Protein backbone atom coordinates (compact mmCIF):
# COMPACT_ATOMS: atom_id res chain seq x y z
CA MET A 1 0.01 0.14 0.11
CA SER A 2 1.38 3.51 -0.76
CA TRP A 3 0.55 6.83 0.82
CA GLY A 4 -1.31 8.77 -1.24
CA PRO A 5 -1.30 12.82 -1.09
CA TRP A 6 -4.64 12.89 0.53
CA GLN A 7 -3.15 10.15 3.88
CA ILE A 8 0.23 12.30 3.91
CA LEU A 9 -2.25 15.37 4.47
CA LEU A 10 -4.15 14.13 6.53
CA VAL A 11 -1.06 12.98 8.86
CA LEU A 12 -0.12 16.47 8.26
CA ALA A 13 -3.27 17.55 9.67
CA ILE A 14 -3.44 15.48 12.58
CA ILE A 15 -0.31 16.62 13.72
CA LEU A 16 -0.83 19.83 13.78
CA ILE A 17 -4.18 19.68 15.54
CA LEU A 18 -1.97 17.41 18.37
CA PHE A 19 1.02 20.19 18.60
CA GLY A 20 -0.36 23.20 17.52
CA GLY A 21 1.06 26.02 15.08
CA LYS A 22 3.19 27.20 17.64
CA LYS A 23 5.09 24.41 18.77
CA LEU A 24 6.13 22.41 15.04
CA PRO A 25 9.49 25.27 14.81
CA GLU A 26 10.20 24.50 17.77
CA LEU A 27 10.47 20.63 17.44
CA ALA A 28 11.66 20.84 14.09
CA HIS A 29 14.77 22.60 15.49
CA SER A 30 15.14 20.57 18.42
CA LEU A 31 15.26 17.63 15.80
CA GLY A 32 17.75 19.38 13.31
CA LYS A 33 19.66 19.26 16.52
CA SER A 34 19.49 16.21 18.02
CA LEU A 35 20.63 14.82 14.70
CA ASN A 36 23.39 16.71 14.01
CA GLU A 37 24.83 15.88 17.74
CA PHE A 38 23.98 11.58 16.98
CA LYS A 39 26.03 13.03 13.81
CA LYS A 40 28.72 13.72 15.30
CA GLY A 41 28.97 11.32 18.47
CA LYS A 42 28.97 8.80 15.25
CA ASN A 43 31.64 10.29 13.86
CA GLU A 44 33.69 10.85 17.16
CA GLY A 45 33.34 6.89 17.90
CA VAL A 46 34.61 5.86 14.35
CA ASP A 47 37.63 8.09 15.43
CA ASN A 48 38.23 6.88 18.21
CA ASP A 49 37.94 3.51 17.07
CA THR A 50 40.56 3.33 14.61
CA THR A 51 42.70 5.60 17.04
CA SER A 52 42.13 2.38 19.86
CA GLN A 53 43.31 0.26 17.15
CA VAL A 54 46.12 1.79 16.08
CA LYS A 55 47.69 2.16 19.57
CA THR A 56 46.49 -1.60 21.13
CA GLN A 57 48.72 -2.75 17.93
CA SER A 58 51.78 -0.36 18.51
CA VAL A 59 52.21 -1.45 22.27
CA PRO A 60 53.76 -4.57 22.87
CA PRO A 61 52.35 -6.83 25.38
CA GLN A 62 53.44 -6.80 29.02
CA VAL A 63 55.03 -9.85 30.69
CA THR A 64 54.01 -9.85 34.89
CA GLN A 65 54.77 -12.45 37.30
CA GLN A 66 51.39 -14.59 37.91
CA THR A 67 51.37 -16.58 41.31
CA VAL A 68 49.29 -19.57 41.81
CA SER A 69 47.92 -21.11 44.60
CA ALA A 70 45.68 -24.42 44.98
CA ALA A 71 42.84 -25.21 47.81
CA PRO A 72 45.07 -26.54 50.33
CA VAL A 73 43.88 -30.10 51.15
CA ALA A 74 42.64 -31.20 54.51
CA GLY A 75 46.20 -30.94 57.05
CA GLU A 76 48.06 -29.68 53.51
CA VAL A 77 49.92 -26.35 53.51
CA VAL A 78 50.26 -24.58 50.04
CA THR A 79 52.46 -22.27 49.27
CA PRO A 80 52.43 -20.33 46.34
CA GLU A 81 54.81 -20.58 43.54
CA VAL A 82 56.29 -18.20 40.80
CA VAL A 83 54.67 -18.93 37.53
CA LYS A 84 57.11 -17.57 34.43
């Protein structure tokens, strides 16, 4: 089903009745601002993703020492071992 000119006019008339003539320009203005902020955020997110990928690729992995401990069995004393 396609939208004809009468259906579009009817929808626009209902919107005009619901929001009034004064409120429509304010709604359009705030919608435009929101759309611009969304586009900015989307572009910044893409920029941050590419820079973070470059940073993670250029930094060598750091080797750290970890201690491994096992749960003691009744009456057994367990000392931590250093794994390299």
